[in-house]
């Protein structure tokens, strides 16, 4: 019986599970969004929110230097990338200073094509990820920021990407197949073994 068992095993031994959660937490704090399966996302949320809470306490107790140092050391146990820890303490923790909890959002995207696993996107509140904005700002000139679609629009766009649907722009660019091109023959295999 599994009474009062508070976590999911995720089909892994303890060391592998903790390593996976640490890696996912590092990626989530670095990019502020992450796409994974729903059970992994549900396990990742309290793990990341605990790290943000520790960072908030360290920033709030910034008058005494030892509070910040101790908080950094506690966070560095789980997130071992110094750049990510610096980002956590300098940008993410002050952003959530007035928020009592609930720093992440879980958006269900649909089902994965290969194994039909339910997929979700975990993102930090206040960092609404727009993949087109990342592509547009990749150029040298400053482009005007596109109007955000909101959670529903972003959810539909992410679900379309997951299902393999492409944007209208990429569909126009694709060429038509050449007439008389090679065809793959589908000959059934023989039943029985050899």
N, C-alpha and C. Protein backbone atom coordinates (compact mmCIF):
# COMPACT_ATOMS: atom_id res chain seq x y z
N UNK A 1 0.84 -1.19 0.00
CA UNK A 1 0.00 0.00 0.00
C UNK A 1 0.88 1.24 0.00
N UNK A 2 0.42 2.28 -0.69
CA UNK A 2 1.22 3.48 -0.86
C UNK A 2 0.65 4.64 -0.06
N UNK A 3 0.19 4.41 1.12
CA UNK A 3 -0.39 5.50 1.90
C UNK A 3 0.67 6.53 2.26
N UNK A 4 0.33 7.78 2.09
CA UNK A 4 1.15 8.92 2.50
C UNK A 4 2.54 8.95 1.85
N UNK A 5 2.64 8.43 0.64
CA UNK A 5 3.88 8.54 -0.11
C UNK A 5 3.78 9.81 -0.93
N UNK A 6 4.74 10.72 -0.75
CA UNK A 6 4.56 12.08 -1.23
C UNK A 6 5.18 12.37 -2.58
N UNK A 7 5.82 11.43 -3.22
CA UNK A 7 6.47 11.74 -4.49
C UNK A 7 6.29 10.60 -5.47
N UNK A 8 6.58 10.90 -6.73
CA UNK A 8 6.52 9.90 -7.80
C UNK A 8 7.92 9.34 -8.02
N UNK A 9 8.01 8.07 -8.33
CA UNK A 9 9.32 7.47 -8.56
C UNK A 9 9.81 7.70 -9.99
N UNK A 10 8.89 7.93 -10.91
CA UNK A 10 9.21 8.23 -12.31
C UNK A 10 10.04 7.14 -12.99
N UNK A 11 9.95 5.91 -12.49
CA UNK A 11 10.64 4.80 -13.11
C UNK A 11 12.15 4.87 -13.00
N UNK A 12 12.66 5.51 -11.96
CA UNK A 12 14.09 5.69 -11.80
C UNK A 12 14.50 5.42 -10.37
N UNK A 13 15.76 5.07 -10.19
CA UNK A 13 16.28 4.94 -8.83
C UNK A 13 16.46 6.35 -8.27
N UNK A 14 16.65 6.46 -6.97
CA UNK A 14 16.68 7.75 -6.30
C UNK A 14 17.74 8.69 -6.88
N UNK A 15 18.95 8.18 -7.08
CA UNK A 15 20.03 9.03 -7.57
C UNK A 15 19.73 9.58 -8.96
N UNK A 16 19.19 8.73 -9.82
CA UNK A 16 18.86 9.16 -11.18
C UNK A 16 17.72 10.18 -11.16
N UNK A 17 16.72 9.94 -10.32
CA UNK A 17 15.58 10.85 -10.22
C UNK A 17 16.03 12.23 -9.74
N UNK A 18 16.87 12.27 -8.71
CA UNK A 18 17.33 13.56 -8.19
C UNK A 18 18.20 14.28 -9.22
N UNK A 19 19.06 13.54 -9.93
CA UNK A 19 19.89 14.14 -10.96
C UNK A 19 19.02 14.72 -12.08
N UNK A 20 17.97 14.00 -12.47
CA UNK A 20 17.08 14.48 -13.52
C UNK A 20 16.36 15.76 -13.07
N UNK A 21 15.88 15.79 -11.83
CA UNK A 21 15.20 16.99 -11.33
C UNK A 21 16.16 18.17 -11.25
N UNK A 22 17.40 17.93 -10.86
CA UNK A 22 18.39 19.02 -10.81
C UNK A 22 18.66 19.56 -12.20
N UNK A 23 18.80 18.68 -13.18
CA UNK A 23 19.04 19.13 -14.55
C UNK A 23 17.85 19.91 -15.09
N UNK A 24 16.65 19.41 -14.83
CA UNK A 24 15.46 20.12 -15.32
C UNK A 24 15.29 21.47 -14.62
N UNK A 25 15.61 21.53 -13.33
CA UNK A 25 15.52 22.79 -12.60
C UNK A 25 16.51 23.80 -13.15
N UNK A 26 17.71 23.35 -13.47
CA UNK A 26 18.71 24.24 -14.05
C UNK A 26 18.23 24.78 -15.39
N UNK A 27 17.67 23.92 -16.23
CA UNK A 27 17.17 24.36 -17.53
C UNK A 27 15.98 25.31 -17.37
N UNK A 28 15.09 25.02 -16.44
CA UNK A 28 13.94 25.88 -16.24
C UNK A 28 14.36 27.26 -15.76
N UNK A 29 15.31 27.33 -14.84
CA UNK A 29 15.76 28.63 -14.35
C UNK A 29 16.57 29.38 -15.41
N UNK A 30 17.27 28.66 -16.28
CA UNK A 30 18.07 29.31 -17.32
C UNK A 30 17.17 29.88 -18.42
N UNK A 31 16.25 29.07 -18.94
CA UNK A 31 15.45 29.48 -20.09
C UNK A 31 14.05 29.95 -19.70
N UNK A 32 13.65 29.76 -18.47
CA UNK A 32 12.37 30.18 -17.89
C UNK A 32 11.17 29.43 -18.48
N UNK A 33 11.41 28.37 -19.23
CA UNK A 33 10.33 27.48 -19.67
C UNK A 33 10.96 26.14 -20.01
N UNK A 34 10.14 25.08 -19.95
CA UNK A 34 10.63 23.74 -20.18
C UNK A 34 9.46 22.87 -20.62
N UNK A 35 9.66 22.03 -21.63
CA UNK A 35 8.63 21.11 -22.09
C UNK A 35 9.02 19.70 -21.70
N UNK A 36 8.14 19.02 -20.97
CA UNK A 36 8.42 17.68 -20.48
C UNK A 36 7.09 16.95 -20.27
N UNK A 37 7.14 15.73 -19.76
CA UNK A 37 5.91 14.99 -19.51
C UNK A 37 5.22 15.54 -18.26
N UNK A 38 3.95 15.29 -18.12
CA UNK A 38 3.17 15.84 -17.01
C UNK A 38 3.65 15.32 -15.65
N UNK A 39 3.91 14.02 -15.45
CA UNK A 39 4.38 13.60 -14.13
C UNK A 39 5.73 14.23 -13.75
N UNK A 40 6.64 14.36 -14.71
CA UNK A 40 7.91 15.02 -14.42
C UNK A 40 7.70 16.48 -14.08
N UNK A 41 6.79 17.13 -14.81
CA UNK A 41 6.51 18.55 -14.55
C UNK A 41 5.92 18.73 -13.16
N UNK A 42 5.05 17.82 -12.75
CA UNK A 42 4.44 17.92 -11.42
C UNK A 42 5.47 17.71 -10.31
N UNK A 43 6.48 16.89 -10.57
CA UNK A 43 7.55 16.70 -9.58
C UNK A 43 8.53 17.86 -9.59
N UNK A 44 8.69 18.50 -10.74
CA UNK A 44 9.64 19.60 -10.86
C UNK A 44 9.15 20.86 -10.16
N UNK A 45 7.85 21.08 -10.14
CA UNK A 45 7.32 22.33 -9.58
C UNK A 45 7.73 22.57 -8.13
N UNK A 46 7.48 21.65 -7.19
CA UNK A 46 7.90 21.94 -5.81
C UNK A 46 9.41 22.03 -5.65
N UNK A 47 10.14 21.31 -6.49
CA UNK A 47 11.60 21.34 -6.43
C UNK A 47 12.12 22.74 -6.77
N UNK A 48 11.60 23.33 -7.85
CA UNK A 48 12.03 24.66 -8.28
C UNK A 48 11.50 25.74 -7.33
N UNK A 49 10.26 25.58 -6.89
CA UNK A 49 9.69 26.60 -6.01
C UNK A 49 10.42 26.67 -4.67
N UNK A 50 10.94 25.54 -4.21
CA UNK A 50 11.74 25.56 -2.98
C UNK A 50 13.03 26.35 -3.20
N UNK A 51 13.66 26.17 -4.36
CA UNK A 51 14.88 26.90 -4.67
C UNK A 51 14.63 28.41 -4.75
N UNK A 52 13.52 28.79 -5.37
CA UNK A 52 13.19 30.22 -5.48
C UNK A 52 12.91 30.80 -4.10
N UNK A 53 12.23 30.04 -3.24
CA UNK A 53 11.95 30.53 -1.90
C UNK A 53 13.24 30.73 -1.10
N UNK A 54 14.18 29.81 -1.23
CA UNK A 54 15.46 29.96 -0.53
C UNK A 54 16.18 31.21 -1.05
N UNK A 55 16.15 31.43 -2.36
CA UNK A 55 16.79 32.61 -2.94
C UNK A 55 16.10 33.89 -2.47
N UNK A 56 14.77 33.86 -2.36
CA UNK A 56 14.05 35.04 -1.87
C UNK A 56 14.45 35.38 -0.45
N UNK A 57 14.55 34.36 0.40
CA UNK A 57 14.97 34.59 1.79
C UNK A 57 16.39 35.15 1.84
N UNK A 58 17.26 34.66 0.97
CA UNK A 58 18.63 35.16 0.94
C UNK A 58 18.70 36.61 0.49
N UNK A 59 17.87 36.98 -0.50
CA UNK A 59 17.85 38.36 -0.97
C UNK A 59 17.21 39.27 0.07
N UNK A 60 16.16 38.79 0.74
CA UNK A 60 15.48 39.60 1.75
C UNK A 60 16.39 39.85 2.95
N UNK A 61 17.20 38.87 3.32
CA UNK A 61 18.12 39.04 4.42
C UNK A 61 19.47 39.55 3.94
N UNK A 62 19.46 40.37 2.87
CA UNK A 62 20.69 40.85 2.26
C UNK A 62 21.49 41.81 3.12
N UNK A 63 20.89 42.34 4.22
CA UNK A 63 21.64 43.25 5.08
C UNK A 63 22.82 42.51 5.70
N UNK A 64 22.57 41.32 6.18
CA UNK A 64 23.65 40.52 6.74
C UNK A 64 24.20 39.64 5.61
N UNK A 65 25.48 39.75 5.38
CA UNK A 65 26.11 39.05 4.25
C UNK A 65 25.98 37.53 4.37
N UNK A 66 25.96 37.02 5.62
CA UNK A 66 25.92 35.57 5.78
C UNK A 66 24.59 34.96 5.36
N UNK A 67 23.49 35.73 5.37
CA UNK A 67 22.20 35.19 4.91
C UNK A 67 22.27 34.88 3.42
N UNK A 68 22.79 35.83 2.64
CA UNK A 68 22.88 35.62 1.20
C UNK A 68 23.85 34.49 0.87
N UNK A 69 24.98 34.44 1.56
CA UNK A 69 25.96 33.40 1.29
C UNK A 69 25.41 32.02 1.63
N UNK A 70 24.73 31.90 2.74
CA UNK A 70 24.14 30.61 3.13
C UNK A 70 23.07 30.19 2.12
N UNK A 71 22.24 31.14 1.68
CA UNK A 71 21.21 30.81 0.70
C UNK A 71 21.84 30.36 -0.62
N UNK A 72 22.91 31.02 -1.04
CA UNK A 72 23.59 30.62 -2.27
C UNK A 72 24.15 29.21 -2.14
N UNK A 73 24.70 28.89 -0.98
CA UNK A 73 25.25 27.56 -0.78
C UNK A 73 24.15 26.50 -0.78
N UNK A 74 23.01 26.81 -0.20
CA UNK A 74 21.89 25.87 -0.20
C UNK A 74 21.38 25.62 -1.62
N UNK A 75 21.33 26.69 -2.43
CA UNK A 75 20.86 26.54 -3.80
C UNK A 75 21.91 25.81 -4.64
N UNK A 76 23.20 26.07 -4.38
CA UNK A 76 24.27 25.45 -5.16
C UNK A 76 24.35 23.94 -4.94
N UNK A 77 23.71 23.42 -3.90
CA UNK A 77 23.64 21.97 -3.74
C UNK A 77 22.87 21.33 -4.89
N UNK A 78 21.84 22.01 -5.35
CA UNK A 78 20.98 21.44 -6.40
C UNK A 78 21.27 22.01 -7.78
N UNK A 79 21.60 23.29 -7.88
CA UNK A 79 21.88 23.92 -9.16
C UNK A 79 23.36 24.27 -9.15
N UNK A 80 24.16 23.56 -9.95
CA UNK A 80 25.59 23.73 -9.86
C UNK A 80 26.17 24.60 -10.96
N UNK A 81 25.33 25.33 -11.65
CA UNK A 81 25.78 26.27 -12.67
C UNK A 81 25.78 27.67 -12.05
N UNK A 82 26.95 28.29 -11.96
CA UNK A 82 27.06 29.59 -11.29
C UNK A 82 26.28 30.68 -12.00
N UNK A 83 26.22 30.63 -13.33
CA UNK A 83 25.46 31.64 -14.06
C UNK A 83 23.97 31.56 -13.73
N UNK A 84 23.46 30.36 -13.62
CA UNK A 84 22.03 30.18 -13.30
C UNK A 84 21.75 30.64 -11.87
N UNK A 85 22.66 30.34 -10.94
CA UNK A 85 22.47 30.77 -9.55
C UNK A 85 22.52 32.29 -9.47
N UNK A 86 23.42 32.91 -10.22
CA UNK A 86 23.49 34.38 -10.25
C UNK A 86 22.19 34.96 -10.81
N UNK A 87 21.68 34.37 -11.89
CA UNK A 87 20.41 34.83 -12.46
C UNK A 87 19.28 34.67 -11.45
N UNK A 88 19.28 33.55 -10.73
CA UNK A 88 18.24 33.29 -9.74
C UNK A 88 18.25 34.37 -8.66
N UNK A 89 19.43 34.72 -8.16
CA UNK A 89 19.50 35.68 -7.06
C UNK A 89 19.36 37.12 -7.53
N UNK A 90 19.76 37.44 -8.76
CA UNK A 90 19.73 38.83 -9.20
C UNK A 90 18.46 39.22 -9.93
N UNK A 91 17.83 38.30 -10.65
CA UNK A 91 16.64 38.68 -11.41
C UNK A 91 15.38 37.95 -10.99
N UNK A 92 15.47 36.63 -10.79
CA UNK A 92 14.24 35.85 -10.54
C UNK A 92 13.71 36.07 -9.13
N UNK A 93 14.57 35.97 -8.12
CA UNK A 93 14.11 36.13 -6.73
C UNK A 93 13.55 37.53 -6.47
N UNK A 94 14.18 38.63 -6.92
CA UNK A 94 13.55 39.94 -6.71
C UNK A 94 12.22 40.09 -7.44
N UNK A 95 12.07 39.40 -8.57
CA UNK A 95 10.81 39.49 -9.32
C UNK A 95 9.65 38.89 -8.53
N UNK A 96 9.94 37.85 -7.71
CA UNK A 96 8.90 37.20 -6.93
C UNK A 96 8.92 37.64 -5.47
N UNK A 97 9.53 38.77 -5.15
CA UNK A 97 9.69 39.19 -3.76
C UNK A 97 8.35 39.39 -3.05
N UNK A 98 7.35 39.90 -3.74
CA UNK A 98 6.07 40.16 -3.10
C UNK A 98 5.08 39.00 -3.26
N UNK A 99 5.49 37.95 -3.96
CA UNK A 99 4.58 36.82 -4.22
C UNK A 99 4.81 35.75 -3.16
N UNK A 100 3.75 35.28 -2.50
CA UNK A 100 3.93 34.31 -1.41
C UNK A 100 4.19 32.88 -1.86
N UNK A 101 4.09 32.58 -3.13
CA UNK A 101 4.31 31.22 -3.62
C UNK A 101 3.70 31.07 -4.99
N UNK A 102 3.78 29.88 -5.56
CA UNK A 102 3.20 29.64 -6.88
C UNK A 102 3.97 30.36 -7.96
N UNK A 103 5.26 30.06 -8.09
CA UNK A 103 6.12 30.77 -9.03
C UNK A 103 6.10 30.15 -10.42
N UNK A 104 5.52 28.96 -10.56
CA UNK A 104 5.54 28.28 -11.85
C UNK A 104 4.12 28.03 -12.34
N UNK A 105 4.02 27.85 -13.64
CA UNK A 105 2.74 27.55 -14.29
C UNK A 105 2.92 26.30 -15.11
N UNK A 106 1.95 25.41 -15.09
CA UNK A 106 2.00 24.16 -15.85
C UNK A 106 0.91 24.20 -16.91
N UNK A 107 1.30 24.17 -18.18
CA UNK A 107 0.36 24.19 -19.29
C UNK A 107 0.39 22.84 -20.00
N UNK A 108 -0.74 22.17 -20.06
CA UNK A 108 -0.80 20.88 -20.75
C UNK A 108 -0.90 21.14 -22.25
N UNK A 109 -0.03 20.47 -23.02
CA UNK A 109 0.06 20.73 -24.45
C UNK A 109 -0.62 19.68 -25.31
N UNK A 110 -0.82 18.49 -24.80
CA UNK A 110 -1.40 17.42 -25.61
C UNK A 110 -0.62 16.15 -25.41
N UNK A 111 -0.59 15.33 -26.45
CA UNK A 111 0.06 14.03 -26.33
C UNK A 111 1.20 13.92 -27.34
N UNK A 112 2.29 13.31 -26.91
CA UNK A 112 3.45 13.14 -27.76
C UNK A 112 3.14 12.12 -28.84
N UNK A 113 3.69 12.34 -30.02
CA UNK A 113 3.37 11.51 -31.17
C UNK A 113 3.89 10.08 -31.02
N UNK A 114 5.09 9.90 -30.51
CA UNK A 114 5.73 8.59 -30.48
C UNK A 114 5.11 7.62 -29.51
N UNK A 115 4.96 8.03 -28.24
CA UNK A 115 4.49 7.10 -27.22
C UNK A 115 3.19 7.54 -26.56
N UNK A 116 2.59 8.60 -27.06
CA UNK A 116 1.31 9.10 -26.56
C UNK A 116 1.39 9.52 -25.10
N UNK A 117 2.57 9.99 -24.67
CA UNK A 117 2.71 10.50 -23.30
C UNK A 117 2.17 11.93 -23.27
N UNK A 118 1.49 12.28 -22.19
CA UNK A 118 0.95 13.63 -22.07
C UNK A 118 2.08 14.62 -21.80
N UNK A 119 2.13 15.69 -22.57
CA UNK A 119 3.21 16.66 -22.52
C UNK A 119 2.70 17.95 -21.89
N UNK A 120 3.57 18.58 -21.09
CA UNK A 120 3.23 19.85 -20.47
C UNK A 120 4.41 20.80 -20.57
N UNK A 121 4.11 22.09 -20.54
CA UNK A 121 5.15 23.10 -20.52
C UNK A 121 5.13 23.75 -19.14
N UNK A 122 6.28 23.77 -18.49
CA UNK A 122 6.42 24.43 -17.20
C UNK A 122 7.12 25.74 -17.48
N UNK A 123 6.59 26.84 -16.94
CA UNK A 123 7.22 28.15 -17.12
C UNK A 123 7.10 28.95 -15.85
N UNK A 124 8.02 29.88 -15.70
CA UNK A 124 7.97 30.78 -14.56
C UNK A 124 6.91 31.83 -14.82
N UNK A 125 6.17 32.18 -13.79
CA UNK A 125 5.13 33.21 -13.91
C UNK A 125 5.82 34.53 -14.26
N UNK A 126 5.24 35.26 -15.19
CA UNK A 126 5.80 36.55 -15.55
C UNK A 126 6.83 36.48 -16.65
N UNK A 127 7.13 35.29 -17.17
CA UNK A 127 8.08 35.17 -18.28
C UNK A 127 7.38 34.44 -19.41
N UNK A 128 6.34 35.02 -19.93
CA UNK A 128 5.55 34.37 -20.96
C UNK A 128 6.42 34.16 -22.18
N UNK A 129 6.77 32.92 -22.45
CA UNK A 129 7.70 32.58 -23.52
C UNK A 129 7.00 32.66 -24.86
N UNK A 130 7.63 33.38 -25.80
CA UNK A 130 7.13 33.47 -27.15
C UNK A 130 8.25 33.05 -28.09
N UNK A 131 8.17 31.86 -28.72
CA UNK A 131 9.28 31.39 -29.54
C UNK A 131 9.56 32.29 -30.74
N UNK A 132 8.55 32.95 -31.29
CA UNK A 132 8.77 33.85 -32.43
C UNK A 132 9.54 35.09 -32.00
N UNK A 133 9.33 35.57 -30.78
CA UNK A 133 10.05 36.73 -30.30
C UNK A 133 11.54 36.42 -30.17
N UNK A 134 11.88 35.19 -29.79
CA UNK A 134 13.28 34.79 -29.68
C UNK A 134 13.92 34.79 -31.06
N UNK A 135 13.20 34.29 -32.05
CA UNK A 135 13.73 34.25 -33.41
C UNK A 135 13.88 35.66 -33.96
N UNK A 136 12.91 36.53 -33.71
CA UNK A 136 12.95 37.88 -34.24
C UNK A 136 14.07 38.70 -33.61
N UNK A 137 14.32 38.54 -32.32
CA UNK A 137 15.36 39.32 -31.66
C UNK A 137 16.74 38.78 -31.96
N UNK A 138 16.83 37.66 -32.66
CA UNK A 138 18.13 37.11 -33.02
C UNK A 138 18.87 38.00 -34.01
N UNK A 139 18.19 38.87 -34.74
CA UNK A 139 18.82 39.77 -35.71
C UNK A 139 19.55 40.89 -35.01
N UNK A 140 20.29 41.66 -35.79
CA UNK A 140 21.09 42.75 -35.22
C UNK A 140 20.24 43.95 -34.81
N UNK A 141 19.21 44.28 -35.57
CA UNK A 141 18.40 45.46 -35.27
C UNK A 141 17.36 45.13 -34.22
N UNK A 142 16.99 46.13 -33.46
CA UNK A 142 15.96 45.96 -32.44
C UNK A 142 14.60 45.95 -33.11
N UNK A 143 13.89 44.87 -33.02
CA UNK A 143 12.55 44.76 -33.61
C UNK A 143 11.52 45.13 -32.54
N UNK A 144 10.40 45.71 -32.93
CA UNK A 144 9.37 46.00 -31.94
C UNK A 144 8.83 44.71 -31.36
N UNK A 145 8.53 44.74 -30.09
CA UNK A 145 8.07 43.55 -29.40
C UNK A 145 6.65 43.20 -29.85
N UNK A 146 6.42 41.95 -30.29
CA UNK A 146 5.08 41.59 -30.75
C UNK A 146 4.11 41.54 -29.57
N UNK A 147 2.84 41.76 -29.90
CA UNK A 147 1.81 41.74 -28.87
C UNK A 147 1.67 40.30 -28.36
N UNK A 148 1.68 40.13 -27.04
CA UNK A 148 1.59 38.78 -26.48
C UNK A 148 0.17 38.25 -26.67
N UNK A 149 0.09 36.96 -26.96
CA UNK A 149 -1.19 36.34 -27.24
C UNK A 149 -1.93 35.93 -25.98
N UNK A 150 -1.24 35.86 -24.87
CA UNK A 150 -1.86 35.35 -23.66
C UNK A 150 -1.60 33.87 -23.53
N UNK A 151 -2.04 33.31 -22.44
CA UNK A 151 -1.75 31.90 -22.15
C UNK A 151 -2.44 30.98 -23.15
N UNK A 152 -3.68 31.26 -23.53
CA UNK A 152 -4.41 30.39 -24.43
C UNK A 152 -3.78 30.32 -25.81
N UNK A 153 -3.39 31.48 -26.34
CA UNK A 153 -2.76 31.51 -27.66
C UNK A 153 -1.42 30.81 -27.66
N UNK A 154 -0.63 31.02 -26.60
CA UNK A 154 0.66 30.35 -26.50
C UNK A 154 0.47 28.84 -26.36
N UNK A 155 -0.57 28.45 -25.64
CA UNK A 155 -0.85 27.03 -25.45
C UNK A 155 -1.22 26.37 -26.77
N UNK A 156 -2.05 27.03 -27.58
CA UNK A 156 -2.42 26.48 -28.88
C UNK A 156 -1.22 26.40 -29.81
N UNK A 157 -0.37 27.42 -29.79
CA UNK A 157 0.81 27.42 -30.66
C UNK A 157 1.77 26.30 -30.26
N UNK A 158 1.95 26.09 -28.96
CA UNK A 158 2.85 25.02 -28.49
C UNK A 158 2.27 23.65 -28.84
N UNK A 159 0.95 23.49 -28.73
CA UNK A 159 0.33 22.21 -29.07
C UNK A 159 0.46 21.94 -30.56
N UNK A 160 0.35 22.97 -31.39
CA UNK A 160 0.51 22.79 -32.83
C UNK A 160 1.94 22.38 -33.15
N UNK A 161 2.93 22.99 -32.49
CA UNK A 161 4.32 22.60 -32.72
C UNK A 161 4.55 21.17 -32.29
N UNK A 162 3.91 20.75 -31.21
CA UNK A 162 4.08 19.39 -30.70
C UNK A 162 3.51 18.37 -31.68
N UNK A 163 2.41 18.72 -32.29
CA UNK A 163 1.75 17.80 -33.22
C UNK A 163 2.38 17.82 -34.61
N UNK A 164 3.34 18.69 -34.82
CA UNK A 164 4.02 18.74 -36.11
C UNK A 164 3.41 19.69 -37.10
N UNK A 165 2.42 20.48 -36.70
CA UNK A 165 1.85 21.46 -37.61
C UNK A 165 2.83 22.62 -37.71
N UNK A 166 2.90 23.19 -38.91
CA UNK A 166 3.84 24.27 -39.15
C UNK A 166 3.08 25.57 -39.33
N UNK A 167 3.81 26.68 -39.18
CA UNK A 167 3.22 28.00 -39.38
C UNK A 167 2.89 28.20 -40.86
N UNK A 168 2.07 29.21 -41.15
CA UNK A 168 1.69 29.51 -42.52
C UNK A 168 2.91 29.89 -43.36
N UNK A 169 3.87 30.61 -42.77
CA UNK A 169 5.04 31.06 -43.50
C UNK A 169 5.87 29.88 -43.99
N UNK A 170 6.07 28.88 -43.15
CA UNK A 170 6.90 27.74 -43.54
C UNK A 170 6.17 26.84 -44.52
N UNK A 171 4.84 26.81 -44.50
CA UNK A 171 4.12 25.98 -45.45
C UNK A 171 4.21 26.57 -46.85
N UNK A 172 4.27 27.89 -46.99
CA UNK A 172 4.37 28.52 -48.29
C UNK A 172 5.72 28.26 -48.93
N UNK A 173 6.76 28.15 -48.11
CA UNK A 173 8.12 27.99 -48.62
C UNK A 173 8.35 26.58 -49.13
N UNK A 174 7.70 25.59 -48.56
CA UNK A 174 7.95 24.20 -48.94
C UNK A 174 7.59 23.97 -50.41
N UNK A 175 8.43 23.19 -51.10
CA UNK A 175 8.20 22.93 -52.52
C UNK A 175 7.31 21.70 -52.68
N UNK A 176 6.74 21.59 -53.88
CA UNK A 176 5.89 20.44 -54.19
C UNK A 176 6.77 19.26 -54.54
N UNK A 177 6.30 18.03 -54.29
CA UNK A 177 7.10 16.86 -54.65
C UNK A 177 7.24 16.75 -56.18
N UNK A 178 8.39 16.24 -56.61
CA UNK A 178 8.66 16.10 -58.03
C UNK A 178 7.86 14.92 -58.57
N UNK A 179 7.26 15.11 -59.75
CA UNK A 179 6.45 14.06 -60.35
C UNK A 179 7.36 12.94 -60.83
N UNK A 180 7.00 11.71 -60.56
CA UNK A 180 7.79 10.57 -60.98
C UNK A 180 9.01 10.34 -60.10
N UNK A 181 9.00 10.88 -58.89
CA UNK A 181 10.12 10.69 -57.97
C UNK A 181 10.15 9.27 -57.45
N UNK A 182 11.12 8.98 -56.65
CA UNK A 182 11.25 7.63 -56.12
C UNK A 182 10.13 7.35 -55.14
N UNK A 183 9.64 6.12 -55.19
CA UNK A 183 8.59 5.70 -54.27
C UNK A 183 9.12 4.55 -53.45
N UNK A 184 8.76 4.55 -52.23
CA UNK A 184 9.17 3.47 -51.33
C UNK A 184 8.15 2.34 -51.46
N UNK A 185 8.62 1.15 -51.79
CA UNK A 185 7.72 0.02 -51.91
C UNK A 185 7.44 -0.56 -50.53
N UNK A 186 6.24 -0.96 -50.32
CA UNK A 186 5.87 -1.54 -49.04
C UNK A 186 5.47 -2.99 -49.27
N UNK A 187 6.44 -3.85 -49.22
CA UNK A 187 6.18 -5.28 -49.38
C UNK A 187 5.99 -5.90 -48.01
N UNK A 188 4.91 -6.64 -47.81
CA UNK A 188 4.71 -7.23 -46.48
C UNK A 188 5.76 -8.30 -46.18
N UNK A 189 6.14 -8.40 -44.94
CA UNK A 189 7.11 -9.41 -44.52
C UNK A 189 6.44 -10.77 -44.42
N UNK A 190 7.23 -11.80 -44.55
CA UNK A 190 6.70 -13.14 -44.43
C UNK A 190 6.35 -13.44 -42.98
N UNK A 191 5.29 -14.15 -42.81
CA UNK A 191 4.92 -14.58 -41.48
C UNK A 191 5.78 -15.79 -41.12
N UNK A 192 6.09 -15.94 -39.89
CA UNK A 192 6.91 -17.05 -39.48
C UNK A 192 8.35 -16.60 -39.29
N UNK A 193 9.16 -17.41 -38.76
CA UNK A 193 10.52 -17.00 -38.49
C UNK A 193 11.54 -17.87 -39.18
N UNK A 194 12.71 -17.36 -39.31
CA UNK A 194 13.80 -18.16 -39.85
C UNK A 194 15.09 -17.78 -39.18
